[in-house]
């Protein structure tokens, strides 16, 4: 089976690439070639920028694929471009959507694929919905569309925090070591599902080239759920300190940091518990086995052992201090 991954050097896609090659899939990776460390031995590279449509069209002119997966499509224009490039050149097109696109508030639990999409709080999530709608309109026998909706997926390097600086993740550890309060919106009791990227990969490879998945949508997660208090507690255990949590209402936080509305109200404020029956009907042996408490010590130690990773977002740190101070008034 000849498969093309667009992007494929990210946190989730790199794990899938590794497993796909191990399973004997003839894997091609289309990207700019800037992150060669995440390209598994045995995969073939097509060096091109997918956002250069004409250049990419030329690079794939002599190729056709059983499956094309775009890991870096976020807006309708991206999937429209993919349709122009790959219509007639692939049997299956897999779009990586997001479980955050489900309707908020969540109408019922556990979350199934029957829950409608609609997240008015987060443009990222709503753009995924728009992409799905376009792809549903062009799904056909010669361009079979499958949609996958990951939730919070992590690897061995990730320190999970409710609120953190994405460019400088060590900031969360720094605050804990400094004895500063960790802000957890609400009461900290909402449930959050965490999925290790290698677990995600085990089910994902069963979708590749599978006609039963044509025209279908699946979320793909583990069944490991944690309260946000417990996630913070796990990190503190790794650091050998006692948790110092302050619960602050989300609307109070957003008043001081309105740009966080999407990430908080549109995603993390809700308990996310998924029914994975549908994906398991395809990947019949799928069972997530990696727990965050087994990975967190490696992730934390990586930061403690590498000075170059210990960068702090001082603006974010000051913002957290300000929110705590204003709330305590």
C-alpha atoms as a PDB file:
ATOM      1  CA  UNK A   1       0.000   0.000   0.000  1.00  0.00           C
ATOM      2  CA  UNK A   2       1.410   3.355  -1.067  1.00  0.00           C
ATOM      3  CA  UNK A   3       0.613   6.143   1.401  1.00  0.00           C
ATOM      4  CA  UNK A   4       1.409   9.857   1.432  1.00  0.00           C
ATOM      5  CA  UNK A   5       1.588  11.828   4.675  1.00  0.00           C
ATOM      6  CA  UNK A   6       1.562  15.622   4.310  1.00  0.00           C
ATOM      7  CA  UNK A   7       3.555  17.139   7.170  1.00  0.00           C
ATOM      8  CA  UNK A   8       4.163  13.998   9.223  1.00  0.00           C
ATOM      9  CA  UNK A   9       6.949  15.242  11.528  1.00  0.00           C
ATOM     10  CA  UNK A  10       4.669  16.480  14.323  1.00  0.00           C
ATOM     11  CA  UNK A  11       3.854  15.008  17.709  1.00  0.00           C
ATOM     12  CA  UNK A  12       1.072  12.679  16.527  1.00  0.00           C
ATOM     13  CA  UNK A  13       2.069  12.084  12.929  1.00  0.00           C
ATOM     14  CA  UNK A  14       5.659  11.064  13.697  1.00  0.00           C
ATOM     15  CA  UNK A  15       4.432   8.156  15.842  1.00  0.00           C
ATOM     16  CA  UNK A  16       2.061   7.049  13.082  1.00  0.00           C
ATOM     17  CA  UNK A  17       4.871   7.288  10.509  1.00  0.00           C
ATOM     18  CA  UNK A  18       7.120   5.068  12.635  1.00  0.00           C
ATOM     19  CA  UNK A  19       4.458   2.386  13.002  1.00  0.00           C
ATOM     20  CA  UNK A  20       3.367   2.569   9.363  1.00  0.00           C
ATOM     21  CA  UNK A  21       6.922   1.851   8.175  1.00  0.00           C
ATOM     22  CA  UNK A  22       7.254  -1.023  10.667  1.00  0.00           C
ATOM     23  CA  UNK A  23       4.086  -2.537   9.218  1.00  0.00           C
ATOM     24  CA  UNK A  24       5.578  -2.509   5.730  1.00  0.00           C
ATOM     25  CA  UNK A  25       3.595   0.396   4.315  1.00  0.00           C
ATOM     26  CA  UNK A  26       5.250   2.150   1.368  1.00  0.00           C
ATOM     27  CA  UNK A  27       5.283   5.538   3.060  1.00  0.00           C
ATOM     28  CA  UNK A  28       6.035   8.884   1.427  1.00  0.00           C
ATOM     29  CA  UNK A  29       6.362  12.081   3.459  1.00  0.00           C
ATOM     30  CA  UNK A  30       5.696  15.427   1.788  1.00  0.00           C
ATOM     31  CA  UNK A  31       7.153  18.339   3.701  1.00  0.00           C
ATOM     32  CA  UNK A  32       9.780  21.048   3.489  1.00  0.00           C
ATOM     33  CA  UNK A  33      12.495  18.748   4.813  1.00  0.00           C
ATOM     34  CA  UNK A  34      13.292  20.926   7.819  1.00  0.00           C
ATOM     35  CA  UNK A  35      12.788  18.273  10.496  1.00  0.00           C
ATOM     36  CA  UNK A  36      14.743  15.258   9.277  1.00  0.00           C
ATOM     37  CA  UNK A  37      15.153  13.819  12.784  1.00  0.00           C
ATOM     38  CA  UNK A  38      11.487  12.762  12.802  1.00  0.00           C
ATOM     39  CA  UNK A  39      11.592  10.916   9.471  1.00  0.00           C
ATOM     40  CA  UNK A  40      11.689   7.158  10.092  1.00  0.00           C
ATOM     41  CA  UNK A  41      14.180   4.974   8.265  1.00  0.00           C
ATOM     42  CA  UNK A  42      12.448   3.425   5.286  1.00  0.00           C
ATOM     43  CA  UNK A  43      10.136   6.356   4.533  1.00  0.00           C
ATOM     44  CA  UNK A  44      10.627   8.240   1.274  1.00  0.00           C
ATOM     45  CA  UNK A  45      10.707  12.036   1.152  1.00  0.00           C
ATOM     46  CA  UNK A  46       9.075  14.403  -1.290  1.00  0.00           C
ATOM     47  CA  UNK A  47      10.561  17.796  -0.527  1.00  0.00           C
ATOM     48  CA  UNK A  48       7.933  20.420  -1.222  1.00  0.00           C
ATOM     49  CA  UNK A  49       5.902  23.069   0.562  1.00  0.00           C
ATOM     50  CA  UNK A  50       2.248  21.974   0.373  1.00  0.00           C
ATOM     51  CA  UNK A  51       1.278  25.652   0.445  1.00  0.00           C
ATOM     52  CA  UNK A  52       3.078  26.041  -2.902  1.00  0.00           C
ATOM     53  CA  UNK A  53       0.330  24.350  -4.871  1.00  0.00           C
ATOM     54  CA  UNK A  54       1.965  24.552  -8.296  1.00  0.00           C
ATOM     55  CA  UNK A  55       5.312  23.339  -7.002  1.00  0.00           C
ATOM     56  CA  UNK A  56       3.660  20.436  -5.196  1.00  0.00           C
ATOM     57  CA  UNK A  57       1.598  19.535  -8.255  1.00  0.00           C
ATOM     58  CA  UNK A  58       4.813  19.185 -10.226  1.00  0.00           C
ATOM     59  CA  UNK A  59       6.510  17.101  -7.510  1.00  0.00           C
ATOM     60  CA  UNK A  60       3.665  14.556  -7.363  1.00  0.00           C
ATOM     61  CA  UNK A  61       2.955  14.499 -11.109  1.00  0.00           C
ATOM     62  CA  UNK A  62       4.352  10.976 -11.504  1.00  0.00           C
ATOM     63  CA  UNK A  63       2.739   9.602  -8.336  1.00  0.00           C
ATOM     64  CA  UNK A  64      -0.591   8.163  -7.340  1.00  0.00           C
ATOM     65  CA  UNK A  65      -1.433   6.913  -3.851  1.00  0.00           C
ATOM     66  CA  UNK A  66      -3.757   4.498  -2.130  1.00  0.00           C
ATOM     67  CA  UNK A  67      -4.074   6.942   0.771  1.00  0.00           C
ATOM     68  CA  UNK A  68      -3.267  10.609   1.363  1.00  0.00           C
ATOM     69  CA  UNK A  69      -3.280  11.998   4.931  1.00  0.00           C
ATOM     70  CA  UNK A  70      -2.957  15.724   5.543  1.00  0.00           C
ATOM     71  CA  UNK A  71      -1.733  16.373   9.092  1.00  0.00           C
ATOM     72  CA  UNK A  72      -1.492  20.157   8.652  1.00  0.00           C
ATOM     73  CA  UNK A  73      -4.831  21.208   7.122  1.00  0.00           C
ATOM     74  CA  UNK A  74      -6.574  23.719   9.369  1.00  0.00           C
ATOM     75  CA  UNK A  75      -8.745  25.871   7.107  1.00  0.00           C
ATOM     76  CA  UNK A  76     -11.171  25.328   4.248  1.00  0.00           C
ATOM     77  CA  UNK A  77      -8.647  26.696   1.744  1.00  0.00           C
ATOM     78  CA  UNK A  78      -6.248  23.911   2.728  1.00  0.00           C
ATOM     79  CA  UNK A  79      -8.656  21.063   2.015  1.00  0.00           C
ATOM     80  CA  UNK A  80      -9.890  22.747  -1.162  1.00  0.00           C
ATOM     81  CA  UNK A  81      -6.266  22.793  -2.346  1.00  0.00           C
ATOM     82  CA  UNK A  82      -5.841  19.144  -1.395  1.00  0.00           C
ATOM     83  CA  UNK A  83      -8.919  18.223  -3.406  1.00  0.00           C
ATOM     84  CA  UNK A  84      -7.487  19.962  -6.455  1.00  0.00           C
ATOM     85  CA  UNK A  85      -4.139  18.231  -6.000  1.00  0.00           C
ATOM     86  CA  UNK A  86      -5.261  14.707  -5.150  1.00  0.00           C
ATOM     87  CA  UNK A  87      -8.681  14.188  -6.731  1.00  0.00           C
ATOM     88  CA  UNK A  88      -8.026  11.313  -9.112  1.00  0.00           C
ATOM     89  CA  UNK A  89      -4.635  10.552  -7.550  1.00  0.00           C
ATOM     90  CA  UNK A  90      -5.743   8.744  -4.385  1.00  0.00           C
ATOM     91  CA  UNK A  91      -8.423   6.253  -3.347  1.00  0.00           C
ATOM     92  CA  UNK A  92      -8.697   7.630   0.198  1.00  0.00           C
ATOM     93  CA  UNK A  93      -8.133  11.065   1.698  1.00  0.00           C
ATOM     94  CA  UNK A  94      -7.885  11.272   5.499  1.00  0.00           C
ATOM     95  CA  UNK A  95      -8.509  14.610   7.181  1.00  0.00           C
ATOM     96  CA  UNK A  96      -7.195  15.226  10.691  1.00  0.00           C
ATOM     97  CA  UNK A  97      -9.941  17.180  12.402  1.00  0.00           C
ATOM     98  CA  UNK A  98     -10.281  17.727  16.171  1.00  0.00           C
ATOM     99  CA  UNK A  99     -12.491  16.406  18.957  1.00  0.00           C
ATOM    100  CA  UNK A 100     -12.671  20.015  20.154  1.00  0.00           C
ATOM    101  CA  UNK A 101     -15.010  20.670  17.219  1.00  0.00           C
ATOM    102  CA  UNK A 102     -17.919  18.957  18.986  1.00  0.00           C
ATOM    103  CA  UNK A 103     -20.810  21.142  20.106  1.00  0.00           C
ATOM    104  CA  UNK A 104     -20.219  23.185  23.242  1.00  0.00           C
ATOM    105  CA  UNK A 105     -21.750  22.828  25.761  1.00  0.00           C
ATOM    106  CA  UNK A 106     -21.410  19.040  25.410  1.00  0.00           C
ATOM    107  CA  UNK A 107     -25.026  17.795  25.191  1.00  0.00           C
ATOM    108  CA  UNK A 108     -24.460  14.246  26.529  1.00  0.00           C
ATOM    109  CA  UNK A 109     -21.854  11.788  27.790  1.00  0.00           C
ATOM    110  CA  UNK A 110     -19.938   9.773  26.838  1.00  0.00           C
ATOM    111  CA  UNK A 111     -19.123  11.662  23.656  1.00  0.00           C
ATOM    112  CA  UNK A 112     -19.969   9.736  20.484  1.00  0.00           C
ATOM    113  CA  UNK A 113     -19.586  10.669  16.836  1.00  0.00           C
ATOM    114  CA  UNK A 114     -23.346  11.340  16.743  1.00  0.00           C
ATOM    115  CA  UNK A 115     -22.891  14.567  18.681  1.00  0.00           C
ATOM    116  CA  UNK A 116     -23.034  17.459  16.188  1.00  0.00           C
ATOM    117  CA  UNK A 117     -20.127  19.768  15.539  1.00  0.00           C
ATOM    118  CA  UNK A 118     -20.301  23.388  16.648  1.00  0.00           C
ATOM    119  CA  UNK A 119     -17.784  25.249  18.797  1.00  0.00           C
ATOM    120  CA  UNK A 120     -18.574  28.962  18.689  1.00  0.00           C
ATOM    121  CA  UNK A 121     -15.848  29.785  21.207  1.00  0.00           C
ATOM    122  CA  UNK A 122     -12.748  28.638  19.302  1.00  0.00           C
ATOM    123  CA  UNK A 123     -12.051  29.548  15.650  1.00  0.00           C
ATOM    124  CA  UNK A 124      -9.533  26.695  15.385  1.00  0.00           C
ATOM    125  CA  UNK A 125     -12.258  24.162  16.154  1.00  0.00           C
ATOM    126  CA  UNK A 126     -14.908  25.816  14.024  1.00  0.00           C
ATOM    127  CA  UNK A 127     -12.522  25.896  11.060  1.00  0.00           C
ATOM    128  CA  UNK A 128     -12.175  22.135  11.411  1.00  0.00           C
ATOM    129  CA  UNK A 129     -15.969  21.857  11.193  1.00  0.00           C
ATOM    130  CA  UNK A 130     -15.986  23.932   8.004  1.00  0.00           C
ATOM    131  CA  UNK A 131     -13.282  21.685   6.535  1.00  0.00           C
ATOM    132  CA  UNK A 132     -15.326  18.594   7.352  1.00  0.00           C
ATOM    133  CA  UNK A 133     -18.397  20.064   5.682  1.00  0.00           C
ATOM    134  CA  UNK A 134     -16.487  20.820   2.482  1.00  0.00           C
ATOM    135  CA  UNK A 135     -14.965  17.339   2.377  1.00  0.00           C
ATOM    136  CA  UNK A 136     -18.390  15.753   2.871  1.00  0.00           C
ATOM    137  CA  UNK A 137     -19.579  17.664  -0.192  1.00  0.00           C
ATOM    138  CA  UNK A 138     -16.795  16.249  -2.418  1.00  0.00           C
ATOM    139  CA  UNK A 139     -16.671  12.711  -1.027  1.00  0.00           C
ATOM    140  CA  UNK A 140     -17.104  10.296  -3.918  1.00  0.00           C
ATOM    141  CA  UNK A 141     -16.009   6.902  -5.223  1.00  0.00           C
ATOM    142  CA  UNK A 142     -12.829   8.420  -6.648  1.00  0.00           C
ATOM    143  CA  UNK A 143     -12.108  10.623  -3.613  1.00  0.00           C
ATOM    144  CA  UNK A 144     -13.142   8.701  -0.509  1.00  0.00           C
ATOM    145  CA  UNK A 145     -12.942  10.873   2.608  1.00  0.00           C
ATOM    146  CA  UNK A 146     -12.302   9.649   6.147  1.00  0.00           C
ATOM    147  CA  UNK A 147     -12.244  12.055   9.121  1.00  0.00           C
ATOM    148  CA  UNK A 148     -10.256  11.457  12.308  1.00  0.00           C
ATOM    149  CA  UNK A 149     -10.775  13.625  15.401  1.00  0.00           C
ATOM    150  CA  UNK A 150      -7.922  13.399  17.920  1.00  0.00           C
ATOM    151  CA  UNK A 151      -8.332  14.781  21.418  1.00  0.00           C
ATOM    152  CA  UNK A 152      -5.418  15.733  23.707  1.00  0.00           C
ATOM    153  CA  UNK A 153      -2.535  13.572  22.449  1.00  0.00           C
ATOM    154  CA  UNK A 154       0.936  13.747  23.974  1.00  0.00           C
ATOM    155  CA  UNK A 155       4.357  12.126  23.670  1.00  0.00           C
ATOM    156  CA  UNK A 156       7.202  11.353  26.071  1.00  0.00           C
ATOM    157  CA  UNK A 157       8.302  15.004  26.139  1.00  0.00           C
ATOM    158  CA  UNK A 158       5.046  16.718  27.118  1.00  0.00           C
ATOM    159  CA  UNK A 159       4.328  18.253  30.521  1.00  0.00           C
ATOM    160  CA  UNK A 160       0.539  18.628  30.549  1.00  0.00           C
ATOM    161  CA  UNK A 161      -0.850  21.809  32.112  1.00  0.00           C
ATOM    162  CA  UNK A 162      -4.264  23.445  32.084  1.00  0.00           C
ATOM    163  CA  UNK A 163      -2.748  26.858  31.415  1.00  0.00           C
ATOM    164  CA  UNK A 164       0.749  27.205  30.032  1.00  0.00           C
ATOM    165  CA  UNK A 165       2.911  29.035  27.542  1.00  0.00           C
ATOM    166  CA  UNK A 166       3.058  26.900  24.393  1.00  0.00           C
ATOM    167  CA  UNK A 167       6.401  28.339  23.190  1.00  0.00           C
ATOM    168  CA  UNK A 168       7.923  27.925  26.669  1.00  0.00           C
ATOM    169  CA  UNK A 169       6.371  24.879  28.388  1.00  0.00           C
ATOM    170  CA  UNK A 170       8.986  24.903  31.150  1.00  0.00           C
ATOM    171  CA  UNK A 171       7.140  27.945  32.520  1.00  0.00           C
ATOM    172  CA  UNK A 172       4.630  25.650  34.252  1.00  0.00           C
ATOM    173  CA  UNK A 173       7.425  23.727  35.991  1.00  0.00           C
ATOM    174  CA  UNK A 174       9.150  26.988  36.903  1.00  0.00           C
ATOM    175  CA  UNK A 175       6.024  28.284  38.644  1.00  0.00           C
ATOM    176  CA  UNK A 176       5.680  25.071  40.641  1.00  0.00           C
ATOM    177  CA  UNK A 177       9.330  25.109  41.711  1.00  0.00           C
ATOM    178  CA  UNK A 178       9.023  28.787  42.669  1.00  0.00           C
ATOM    179  CA  UNK A 179       6.110  27.907  44.945  1.00  0.00           C
ATOM    180  CA  UNK A 180       3.683  30.005  42.914  1.00  0.00           C
ATOM    181  CA  UNK A 181       0.032  28.929  42.648  1.00  0.00           C
ATOM    182  CA  UNK A 182      -1.032  26.845  39.669  1.00  0.00           C
ATOM    183  CA  UNK A 183      -4.289  28.218  38.305  1.00  0.00           C
ATOM    184  CA  UNK A 184      -6.951  25.638  37.503  1.00  0.00           C
ATOM    185  CA  UNK A 185     -10.217  27.177  36.292  1.00  0.00           C
ATOM    186  CA  UNK A 186     -13.432  26.028  37.899  1.00  0.00           C
ATOM    187  CA  UNK A 187     -13.192  23.433  40.656  1.00  0.00           C
ATOM    188  CA  UNK A 188     -10.507  21.274  39.026  1.00  0.00           C
ATOM    189  CA  UNK A 189     -12.807  18.231  39.015  1.00  0.00           C
ATOM    190  CA  UNK A 190     -13.666  18.104  35.306  1.00  0.00           C
ATOM    191  CA  UNK A 191     -12.368  15.003  33.535  1.00  0.00           C
ATOM    192  CA  UNK A 192      -9.798  15.183  30.753  1.00  0.00           C
ATOM    193  CA  UNK A 193      -8.767  12.367  28.419  1.00  0.00           C
ATOM    194  CA  UNK A 194      -5.079  11.959  27.583  1.00  0.00           C
ATOM    195  CA  UNK A 195      -3.842   9.746  24.741  1.00  0.00           C
ATOM    196  CA  UNK A 196      -0.217   8.801  24.120  1.00  0.00           C
ATOM    197  CA  UNK A 197       0.833   9.187  20.483  1.00  0.00           C
ATOM    198  CA  UNK A 198       1.938   5.556  20.198  1.00  0.00           C
ATOM    199  CA  UNK A 199      -1.510   4.395  21.323  1.00  0.00           C
ATOM    200  CA  UNK A 200      -3.122   6.714  18.787  1.00  0.00           C
ATOM    201  CA  UNK A 201      -0.899   5.231  16.065  1.00  0.00           C
ATOM    202  CA  UNK A 202      -2.012   1.664  16.797  1.00  0.00           C
ATOM    203  CA  UNK A 203      -5.604   2.431  15.834  1.00  0.00           C
ATOM    204  CA  UNK A 204      -4.816   4.937  13.090  1.00  0.00           C
ATOM    205  CA  UNK A 205      -2.871   2.507  10.906  1.00  0.00           C
ATOM    206  CA  UNK A 206      -5.955   0.261  10.787  1.00  0.00           C
ATOM    207  CA  UNK A 207      -7.805   3.045   8.947  1.00  0.00           C
ATOM    208  CA  UNK A 208      -5.293   3.316   6.111  1.00  0.00           C
ATOM    209  CA  UNK A 209      -6.762   1.883   2.922  1.00  0.00           C
ATOM    210  CA  UNK A 210      -9.739   0.374   4.758  1.00  0.00           C
ATOM    211  CA  UNK A 211     -12.890   0.692   2.590  1.00  0.00           C
ATOM    212  CA  UNK A 212     -15.087   0.326   5.678  1.00  0.00           C
ATOM    213  CA  UNK A 213     -13.886   3.766   6.803  1.00  0.00           C
ATOM    214  CA  UNK A 214     -14.748   5.601   3.582  1.00  0.00           C
ATOM    215  CA  UNK A 215     -17.188   8.426   4.262  1.00  0.00           C
ATOM    216  CA  UNK A 216     -16.950   7.939   8.025  1.00  0.00           C
ATOM    217  CA  UNK A 217     -15.838  10.086  10.977  1.00  0.00           C
ATOM    218  CA  UNK A 218     -14.096   8.792  14.099  1.00  0.00           C
ATOM    219  CA  UNK A 219     -12.643  10.261  17.231  1.00  0.00           C
ATOM    220  CA  UNK A 220      -9.588   8.381  18.414  1.00  0.00           C
ATOM    221  CA  UNK A 221      -8.603   8.588  22.081  1.00  0.00           C
ATOM    222  CA  UNK A 222      -7.601   6.446  25.025  1.00  0.00           C
ATOM    223  CA  UNK A 223      -9.902   5.617  27.916  1.00  0.00           C
ATOM    224  CA  UNK A 224      -7.567   7.201  30.481  1.00  0.00           C
ATOM    225  CA  UNK A 225      -9.258  10.189  32.103  1.00  0.00           C
ATOM    226  CA  UNK A 226      -7.923  12.448  34.834  1.00  0.00           C
ATOM    227  CA  UNK A 227      -9.161  15.426  36.781  1.00  0.00           C
ATOM    228  CA  UNK A 228      -7.051  18.519  36.189  1.00  0.00           C
ATOM    229  CA  UNK A 229      -6.176  18.431  39.880  1.00  0.00           C
ATOM    230  CA  UNK A 230      -4.787  14.935  39.424  1.00  0.00           C
ATOM    231  CA  UNK A 231      -2.750  15.936  36.363  1.00  0.00           C
ATOM    232  CA  UNK A 232      -1.154  18.766  38.359  1.00  0.00           C
ATOM    233  CA  UNK A 233      -0.591  16.386  41.255  1.00  0.00           C
ATOM    234  CA  UNK A 234       1.272  13.965  38.963  1.00  0.00           C
ATOM    235  CA  UNK A 235       3.649  16.762  37.867  1.00  0.00           C
ATOM    236  CA  UNK A 236       4.192  17.847  41.471  1.00  0.00           C
ATOM    237  CA  UNK A 237       4.967  14.258  42.487  1.00  0.00           C
ATOM    238  CA  UNK A 238       7.654  14.168  39.790  1.00  0.00           C
ATOM    239  CA  UNK A 239       9.130  17.380  41.202  1.00  0.00           C
ATOM    240  CA  UNK A 240       8.858  16.262  44.820  1.00  0.00           C
ATOM    241  CA  UNK A 241       6.694  19.198  45.898  1.00  0.00           C
ATOM    242  CA  UNK A 242       3.224  19.648  47.355  1.00  0.00           C
ATOM    243  CA  UNK A 243       0.577  20.941  44.919  1.00  0.00           C
ATOM    244  CA  UNK A 244      -0.339  24.604  45.308  1.00  0.00           C
ATOM    245  CA  UNK A 245      -3.561  25.056  43.361  1.00  0.00           C
ATOM    246  CA  UNK A 246      -5.853  28.038  43.174  1.00  0.00           C
ATOM    247  CA  UNK A 247      -9.259  27.578  41.547  1.00  0.00           C
ATOM    248  CA  UNK A 248     -10.411  30.691  39.691  1.00  0.00           C
ATOM    249  CA  UNK A 249     -13.622  31.019  37.636  1.00  0.00           C
ATOM    250  CA  UNK A 250     -13.038  30.910  33.905  1.00  0.00           C
ATOM    251  CA  UNK A 251     -14.887  34.151  33.231  1.00  0.00           C
ATOM    252  CA  UNK A 252     -12.580  35.957  35.682  1.00  0.00           C
ATOM    253  CA  UNK A 253      -9.522  34.623  33.834  1.00  0.00           C
ATOM    254  CA  UNK A 254     -10.916  35.583  30.440  1.00  0.00           C
ATOM    255  CA  UNK A 255     -11.574  39.122  31.686  1.00  0.00           C
ATOM    256  CA  UNK A 256      -7.800  39.470  32.083  1.00  0.00           C
ATOM    257  CA  UNK A 257      -6.809  37.242  29.135  1.00  0.00           C
ATOM    258  CA  UNK A 258      -9.632  37.259  26.561  1.00  0.00           C
ATOM    259  CA  UNK A 259      -7.524  35.350  24.013  1.00  0.00           C
ATOM    260  CA  UNK A 260      -7.828  32.253  26.223  1.00  0.00           C
ATOM    261  CA  UNK A 261     -11.581  31.948  25.688  1.00  0.00           C
ATOM    262  CA  UNK A 262     -11.259  29.440  22.855  1.00  0.00           C
ATOM    263  CA  UNK A 263      -8.869  27.120  24.662  1.00  0.00           C
ATOM    264  CA  UNK A 264     -10.770  27.289  27.955  1.00  0.00           C
ATOM    265  CA  UNK A 265     -14.494  27.729  27.227  1.00  0.00           C
ATOM    266  CA  UNK A 266     -14.171  26.004  23.861  1.00  0.00           C
ATOM    267  CA  UNK A 267     -12.303  22.982  25.183  1.00  0.00           C
ATOM    268  CA  UNK A 268     -10.732  22.483  28.604  1.00  0.00           C
ATOM    269  CA  UNK A 269     -13.643  23.659  30.727  1.00  0.00           C
ATOM    270  CA  UNK A 270     -15.684  20.604  29.720  1.00  0.00           C
ATOM    271  CA  UNK A 271     -15.284  17.047  30.863  1.00  0.00           C
ATOM    272  CA  UNK A 272     -14.161  15.063  27.834  1.00  0.00           C
ATOM    273  CA  UNK A 273     -15.042  11.382  28.118  1.00  0.00           C
ATOM    274  CA  UNK A 274     -15.224   9.518  24.820  1.00  0.00           C
ATOM    275  CA  UNK A 275     -16.985   6.396  23.628  1.00  0.00           C
ATOM    276  CA  UNK A 276     -14.466   4.760  21.278  1.00  0.00           C
ATOM    277  CA  UNK A 277     -16.777   1.962  20.153  1.00  0.00           C
ATOM    278  CA  UNK A 278     -16.799   3.170  16.569  1.00  0.00           C
ATOM    279  CA  UNK A 279     -13.028   3.227  16.059  1.00  0.00           C
ATOM    280  CA  UNK A 280     -12.748  -0.112  17.866  1.00  0.00           C
ATOM    281  CA  UNK A 281     -15.180  -1.632  15.366  1.00  0.00           C
ATOM    282  CA  UNK A 282     -12.440  -0.994  12.774  1.00  0.00           C
ATOM    283  CA  UNK A 283      -9.314  -1.433  14.901  1.00  0.00           C
ATOM    284  CA  UNK A 284     -10.688  -4.464  16.717  1.00  0.00           C
ATOM    285  CA  UNK A 285      -7.595  -5.097  18.835  1.00  0.00           C
ATOM    286  CA  UNK A 286      -7.096  -1.458  19.775  1.00  0.00           C
ATOM    287  CA  UNK A 287      -6.468  -0.854  23.438  1.00  0.00           C
ATOM    288  CA  UNK A 288      -4.608   2.143  24.813  1.00  0.00           C
ATOM    289  CA  UNK A 289      -2.024   1.001  27.337  1.00  0.00           C
ATOM    290  CA  UNK A 290       0.086   4.078  28.160  1.00  0.00           C
ATOM    291  CA  UNK A 291      -0.878   6.091  31.248  1.00  0.00           C
ATOM    292  CA  UNK A 292       0.259   9.650  31.816  1.00  0.00           C
ATOM    293  CA  UNK A 293       1.609   8.888  35.274  1.00  0.00           C
ATOM    294  CA  UNK A 294       4.096   6.509  33.627  1.00  0.00           C
ATOM    295  CA  UNK A 295       5.279   9.128  31.105  1.00  0.00           C
ATOM    296  CA  UNK A 296       5.295  12.312  33.203  1.00  0.00           C
ATOM    297  CA  UNK A 297       8.513  11.448  35.139  1.00  0.00           C
ATOM    298  CA  UNK A 298      10.417  11.149  31.819  1.00  0.00           C
ATOM    299  CA  UNK A 299       8.991  14.416  30.538  1.00  0.00           C
ATOM    300  CA  UNK A 300       9.745  16.343  33.724  1.00  0.00           C
ATOM    301  CA  UNK A 301      13.244  14.897  34.006  1.00  0.00           C
ATOM    302  CA  UNK A 302      13.979  15.895  30.413  1.00  0.00           C
ATOM    303  CA  UNK A 303      13.394  19.544  31.352  1.00  0.00           C
ATOM    304  CA  UNK A 304      15.336  19.299  34.595  1.00  0.00           C
ATOM    305  CA  UNK A 305      18.321  17.717  32.841  1.00  0.00           C
ATOM    306  CA  UNK A 306      18.517  20.119  29.906  1.00  0.00           C
ATOM    307  CA  UNK A 307      19.287  23.741  30.687  1.00  0.00           C
ATOM    308  CA  UNK A 308      18.530  24.806  27.112  1.00  0.00           C
ATOM    309  CA  UNK A 309      14.916  23.748  27.608  1.00  0.00           C
ATOM    310  CA  UNK A 310      14.478  25.799  30.773  1.00  0.00           C
ATOM    311  CA  UNK A 311      13.171  28.941  29.113  1.00  0.00           C
ATOM    312  CA  UNK A 312      10.520  30.918  30.929  1.00  0.00           C
ATOM    313  CA  UNK A 313       7.795  33.046  29.383  1.00  0.00           C
ATOM    314  CA  UNK A 314       8.044  35.937  31.825  1.00  0.00           C
ATOM    315  CA  UNK A 315       5.064  37.766  30.334  1.00  0.00           C
ATOM    316  CA  UNK A 316       2.874  34.699  30.838  1.00  0.00           C
ATOM    317  CA  UNK A 317       4.270  34.196  34.337  1.00  0.00           C
ATOM    318  CA  UNK A 318       3.477  37.816  35.255  1.00  0.00           C
ATOM    319  CA  UNK A 319      -0.023  37.449  33.807  1.00  0.00           C
ATOM    320  CA  UNK A 320      -0.672  34.405  36.031  1.00  0.00           C
ATOM    321  CA  UNK A 321       0.618  36.364  39.037  1.00  0.00           C
ATOM    322  CA  UNK A 322      -1.652  39.277  38.168  1.00  0.00           C
ATOM    323  CA  UNK A 323      -4.746  37.066  37.805  1.00  0.00           C
ATOM    324  CA  UNK A 324      -4.036  35.399  41.158  1.00  0.00           C
ATOM    325  CA  UNK A 325      -3.492  38.744  42.895  1.00  0.00           C
ATOM    326  CA  UNK A 326      -6.649  40.306  41.454  1.00  0.00           C
ATOM    327  CA  UNK A 327      -8.726  37.270  42.347  1.00  0.00           C
ATOM    328  CA  UNK A 328      -7.412  37.143  45.910  1.00  0.00           C
ATOM    329  CA  UNK A 329      -8.546  40.742  46.420  1.00  0.00           C
END
